[in-house]
Amino acid sequence: MFVLWPRSSGPTSDLGKDGFDEGTAAQYTWMVPQNIAGLVGALGGRDAAAERLDRFATQLNAGPDEPYLWLGNEPGFAVPWLYNYLGQPWKTQETVARVRSELFGPTPVGEPGNDDLGALSSWYVWAALGMYPVTPGTPILTVNTPLLIASESPFPQADSSGSPPRGHPGSTAGPPIRRFFRSQSSAPVATSRSHSPPSPASSGVLPSPPRQRRSAGATRP
């Protein structure tokens, strides 16, 4: 959104609809990373939010004036991972794969917009690693199918074994993964493309992401 400066009556740039900077109401609707559960509730629940997100993601890089996803600008960066919060992680994996293959490439114009000092490049790195920090300032990562065959990130270890637990995205053994969120402070991250997303029929009701709690000394604005 934009801030009205003294003697100003319009948006901060010529891009986007009135009242929004470089975007539309439809695009900014999904940018509530600090309270995704509240957003989903305001949209009518998981099913209603998923239907709306399906329509929104029919276009991946619509630009600043359309009611569709504009992945070339920061407000839309986390949108593909919101399906994880709606109990439909296979759609996160499909949408991230579409963006990687359709909007990025090894050419001089191989990004879907202004890189903004590495913003789009960083998005691609996260998507290739198979994880994304949806909520800034928290240690929670939400995951997708990685592009890389294998990767390791030196996060602090949870125990002395140095191995991810069974069922963890870095484990090649154990039951199918049904958690699509992890903490940076748990086990070392090691991802594998051997993990297939659950099908809609087999998933059932998937766990909700961790809730973000206000610290004891925090006050409401």
Protein backbone atom coordinates (compact mmCIF):
# COMPACT_ATOMS: atom_id res chain seq x y z
CA MET A 1 0.00 0.00 0.00
CA PHE A 2 1.08 3.62 -0.28
CA VAL A 3 1.71 6.35 2.26
CA LEU A 4 0.23 9.78 1.63
CA TRP A 5 2.96 12.39 1.86
CA PRO A 6 2.11 16.06 2.58
CA ARG A 7 0.33 17.69 -0.37
CA SER A 8 -0.01 14.27 -2.03
CA SER A 9 -3.34 12.77 -3.05
CA GLY A 10 -2.34 9.75 -5.13
CA PRO A 11 -0.26 6.58 -5.13
CA THR A 12 3.52 6.70 -4.83
CA SER A 13 4.03 5.53 -8.40
CA ASP A 14 2.21 5.34 -11.71
CA LEU A 15 2.11 1.54 -11.51
CA GLY A 16 -0.95 -0.12 -10.03
CA LYS A 17 -4.49 0.82 -9.18
CA ASP A 18 -5.45 3.85 -7.08
CA GLY A 19 -4.70 3.24 -3.43
CA PHE A 20 -2.01 0.63 -4.09
CA ASP A 21 1.62 0.95 -5.06
CA GLU A 22 2.64 -1.31 -7.94
CA GLY A 23 -0.35 -3.58 -7.65
CA THR A 24 -4.06 -4.10 -7.20
CA ALA A 25 -6.37 -4.95 -4.33
CA ALA A 26 -6.51 -8.52 -5.61
CA GLN A 27 -2.71 -8.79 -5.43
CA TYR A 28 -2.32 -7.20 -2.00
CA THR A 29 -5.15 -9.32 -0.57
CA TRP A 30 -2.76 -12.26 -0.17
CA MET A 31 0.03 -10.26 1.48
CA VAL A 32 -0.80 -10.94 5.12
CA PRO A 33 2.21 -13.06 6.12
CA GLN A 34 1.86 -12.28 9.83
CA ASN A 35 -1.65 -13.78 10.04
CA ILE A 36 -2.41 -16.17 7.21
CA ALA A 37 -4.91 -18.07 9.34
CA GLY A 38 -6.81 -14.82 9.90
CA LEU A 39 -6.76 -14.09 6.17
CA VAL A 40 -8.11 -17.53 5.35
CA GLY A 41 -10.89 -17.05 7.88
CA ALA A 42 -11.76 -13.64 6.46
CA LEU A 43 -12.01 -15.16 2.98
CA GLY A 44 -14.53 -17.74 4.16
CA GLY A 45 -12.35 -20.67 5.15
CA ARG A 46 -9.94 -23.03 3.42
CA ASP A 47 -12.21 -24.13 0.57
CA ALA A 48 -13.34 -20.60 -0.34
CA ALA A 49 -9.78 -19.26 -0.09
CA ALA A 50 -8.45 -22.09 -2.27
CA GLU A 51 -11.05 -21.42 -4.97
CA ARG A 52 -10.15 -17.74 -4.96
CA LEU A 53 -6.45 -18.55 -5.08
CA ASP A 54 -7.03 -20.91 -8.03
CA ARG A 55 -8.59 -18.07 -10.01
CA PHE A 56 -5.87 -15.64 -8.95
CA ALA A 57 -3.06 -17.98 -10.09
CA THR A 58 -4.44 -18.66 -13.56
CA GLN A 59 -2.03 -15.93 -14.67
CA LEU A 60 1.44 -15.91 -13.12
CA ASN A 61 2.82 -12.53 -14.14
CA ALA A 62 -0.14 -10.35 -15.03
CA GLY A 63 1.45 -7.01 -14.18
CA PRO A 64 0.41 -4.22 -11.79
CA ASP A 65 -3.10 -3.54 -13.10
CA GLU A 66 -4.77 -6.96 -13.29
CA PRO A 67 -6.57 -9.09 -10.67
CA TYR A 68 -4.10 -11.94 -11.03
CA LEU A 69 -0.74 -12.97 -9.65
CA TRP A 70 2.20 -10.75 -10.54
CA LEU A 71 5.21 -12.82 -9.56
CA GLY A 72 7.53 -10.14 -10.93
CA ASN A 73 6.90 -7.97 -7.87
CA GLU A 74 7.49 -8.62 -4.18
CA PRO A 75 3.86 -8.62 -2.91
CA GLY A 76 3.24 -11.82 -4.90
CA PHE A 77 6.40 -13.71 -3.97
CA ALA A 78 4.88 -15.96 -1.29
CA VAL A 79 1.58 -16.65 -3.02
CA PRO A 80 2.48 -20.09 -4.48
CA TRP A 81 3.21 -21.42 -0.98
CA LEU A 82 -0.16 -20.34 0.43
CA TYR A 83 -1.69 -23.60 -0.81
CA ASN A 84 0.33 -25.32 1.93
CA TYR A 85 -1.69 -23.32 4.45
CA LEU A 86 -4.93 -24.39 2.77
CA GLY A 87 -4.27 -28.13 2.97
CA GLN A 88 -3.48 -28.42 -0.76
CA PRO A 89 0.34 -28.72 -0.91
CA TRP A 90 0.30 -30.38 -4.33
CA LYS A 91 -0.89 -27.05 -5.76
CA THR A 92 2.04 -25.25 -4.14
CA GLN A 93 4.38 -27.69 -5.84
CA GLU A 94 2.62 -27.34 -9.19
CA THR A 95 2.53 -23.53 -9.03
CA VAL A 96 6.17 -23.15 -7.99
CA ALA A 97 7.20 -25.51 -10.81
CA ARG A 98 5.19 -23.46 -13.31
CA VAL A 99 6.84 -20.24 -12.20
CA ARG A 100 10.34 -21.72 -12.33
CA SER A 101 9.86 -23.15 -15.81
CA GLU A 102 7.72 -20.43 -17.42
CA LEU A 103 9.09 -17.19 -15.95
CA PHE A 104 12.79 -17.87 -15.38
CA GLY A 105 15.49 -18.86 -17.85
CA PRO A 106 19.22 -18.56 -18.62
CA THR A 107 18.90 -15.46 -20.83
CA PRO A 108 19.58 -11.72 -20.39
CA VAL A 109 15.84 -11.28 -19.75
CA GLY A 110 15.43 -14.51 -17.81
CA GLU A 111 13.51 -13.02 -14.88
CA PRO A 112 9.86 -11.93 -14.75
CA GLY A 113 10.61 -8.38 -13.61
CA ASN A 114 13.05 -5.97 -11.99
CA ASP A 115 15.51 -7.98 -9.88
CA ASP A 116 15.41 -5.24 -7.20
CA LEU A 117 18.91 -5.84 -5.83
CA GLY A 118 18.55 -9.60 -5.97
CA ALA A 119 14.92 -10.05 -4.88
CA LEU A 120 13.83 -12.17 -7.85
CA SER A 121 17.12 -14.05 -7.92
CA SER A 122 16.64 -14.89 -4.26
CA TRP A 123 13.09 -16.10 -4.95
CA TYR A 124 14.45 -18.54 -7.50
CA VAL A 125 17.14 -19.82 -5.13
CA TRP A 126 14.55 -20.51 -2.43
CA ALA A 127 12.24 -22.20 -4.93
CA ALA A 128 15.09 -24.35 -6.23
CA LEU A 129 16.04 -25.34 -2.68
CA GLY A 130 12.46 -26.39 -2.04
CA MET A 131 11.55 -24.05 0.81
CA TYR A 132 10.43 -20.48 1.42
CA PRO A 133 10.31 -18.08 4.43
CA VAL A 134 6.70 -16.97 4.07
CA THR A 135 6.51 -15.07 7.38
CA PRO A 136 9.43 -12.63 7.81
CA GLY A 137 11.02 -12.55 11.23
CA THR A 138 10.08 -16.12 12.13
CA PRO A 139 12.11 -19.36 11.82
CA ILE A 140 9.37 -21.18 9.88
CA LEU A 141 10.01 -22.40 6.34
CA THR A 142 7.26 -23.84 4.16
CA VAL A 143 8.33 -26.35 1.54
CA ASN A 144 7.88 -27.37 -2.08
CA THR A 145 9.43 -29.89 -4.45
CA PRO A 146 13.11 -28.90 -4.84
CA LEU A 147 14.70 -28.42 -8.23
CA LEU A 148 18.14 -29.46 -7.03
CA ILE A 149 19.03 -33.14 -6.77
CA ALA A 150 20.36 -32.55 -3.26
CA SER A 151 21.15 -29.58 -1.03
CA GLU A 152 22.31 -29.02 2.51
CA SER A 153 21.97 -25.92 4.68
CA PRO A 154 23.98 -25.66 7.91
CA PHE A 155 21.16 -24.80 10.31
CA PRO A 156 21.82 -25.67 13.97
CA GLN A 157 21.45 -29.36 14.73
CA ALA A 158 18.69 -30.62 16.97
CA ASP A 159 20.76 -33.57 18.23
CA SER A 160 24.17 -35.15 17.90
CA SER A 161 23.25 -37.57 15.13
CA GLY A 162 23.43 -34.98 12.37
CA SER A 163 20.67 -36.81 10.48
CA PRO A 164 17.16 -35.54 9.78
CA PRO A 165 14.41 -37.51 11.54
CA ARG A 166 12.34 -40.10 9.68
CA GLY A 167 9.66 -38.45 7.61
CA HIS A 168 11.63 -35.17 7.54
CA PRO A 169 12.18 -33.67 4.05
CA GLY A 170 15.85 -34.64 4.34
CA SER A 171 15.19 -38.27 5.15
CA THR A 172 15.05 -40.98 2.52
CA ALA A 173 13.26 -43.37 4.89
CA GLY A 174 10.07 -43.34 6.85
CA PRO A 175 6.43 -42.60 6.06
CA PRO A 176 5.28 -40.09 3.43
CA ILE A 177 5.72 -36.49 4.46
CA ARG A 178 2.53 -34.88 5.78
CA ARG A 179 4.07 -31.76 7.33
CA PHE A 180 4.78 -28.93 4.94
CA PHE A 181 6.37 -26.55 7.43
CA ARG A 182 9.64 -26.77 9.35
CA SER A 183 11.72 -24.67 11.72
CA GLN A 184 15.15 -23.37 10.81
CA SER A 185 16.31 -24.30 14.30
CA SER A 186 15.49 -28.02 14.13
CA ALA A 187 17.63 -30.43 12.11
CA PRO A 188 20.02 -29.72 9.22
CA VAL A 189 18.10 -29.25 6.00
CA ALA A 190 18.67 -31.82 3.29
CA THR A 191 16.09 -32.08 0.54
CA SER A 192 15.53 -34.74 -2.06
CA ARG A 193 13.47 -34.84 -5.22
CA SER A 194 12.50 -38.40 -4.34
CA HIS A 195 9.62 -37.11 -2.22
CA SER A 196 6.44 -36.89 -4.27
CA PRO A 197 3.56 -34.62 -3.24
CA PRO A 198 0.51 -36.38 -1.83
CA SER A 199 -2.42 -36.65 -4.19
CA PRO A 200 -5.63 -34.81 -3.36
CA ALA A 201 -7.37 -38.14 -2.77
CA SER A 202 -4.75 -39.51 -0.37
CA SER A 203 -4.00 -36.39 1.65
CA GLY A 204 -7.11 -36.00 3.73
CA VAL A 205 -6.98 -33.10 6.17
CA LEU A 206 -3.38 -31.95 6.40
CA PRO A 207 -1.92 -30.25 9.46
CA SER A 208 -2.16 -26.48 9.71
CA PRO A 209 1.04 -24.42 9.89
CA PRO A 210 2.37 -23.30 13.27
CA ARG A 211 0.67 -20.22 14.70
CA GLN A 212 2.82 -17.17 15.29
CA ARG A 213 2.45 -15.91 18.84
CA ARG A 214 3.05 -12.39 20.07
CA SER A 215 5.97 -12.15 22.49
CA ALA A 216 5.23 -11.34 26.13
CA GLY A 217 6.44 -7.75 25.84
CA ALA A 218 4.75 -6.99 22.53
CA THR A 219 1.80 -4.65 22.35
CA ARG A 220 -0.86 -4.22 19.73
CA PRO A 221 -0.39 -1.23 17.41
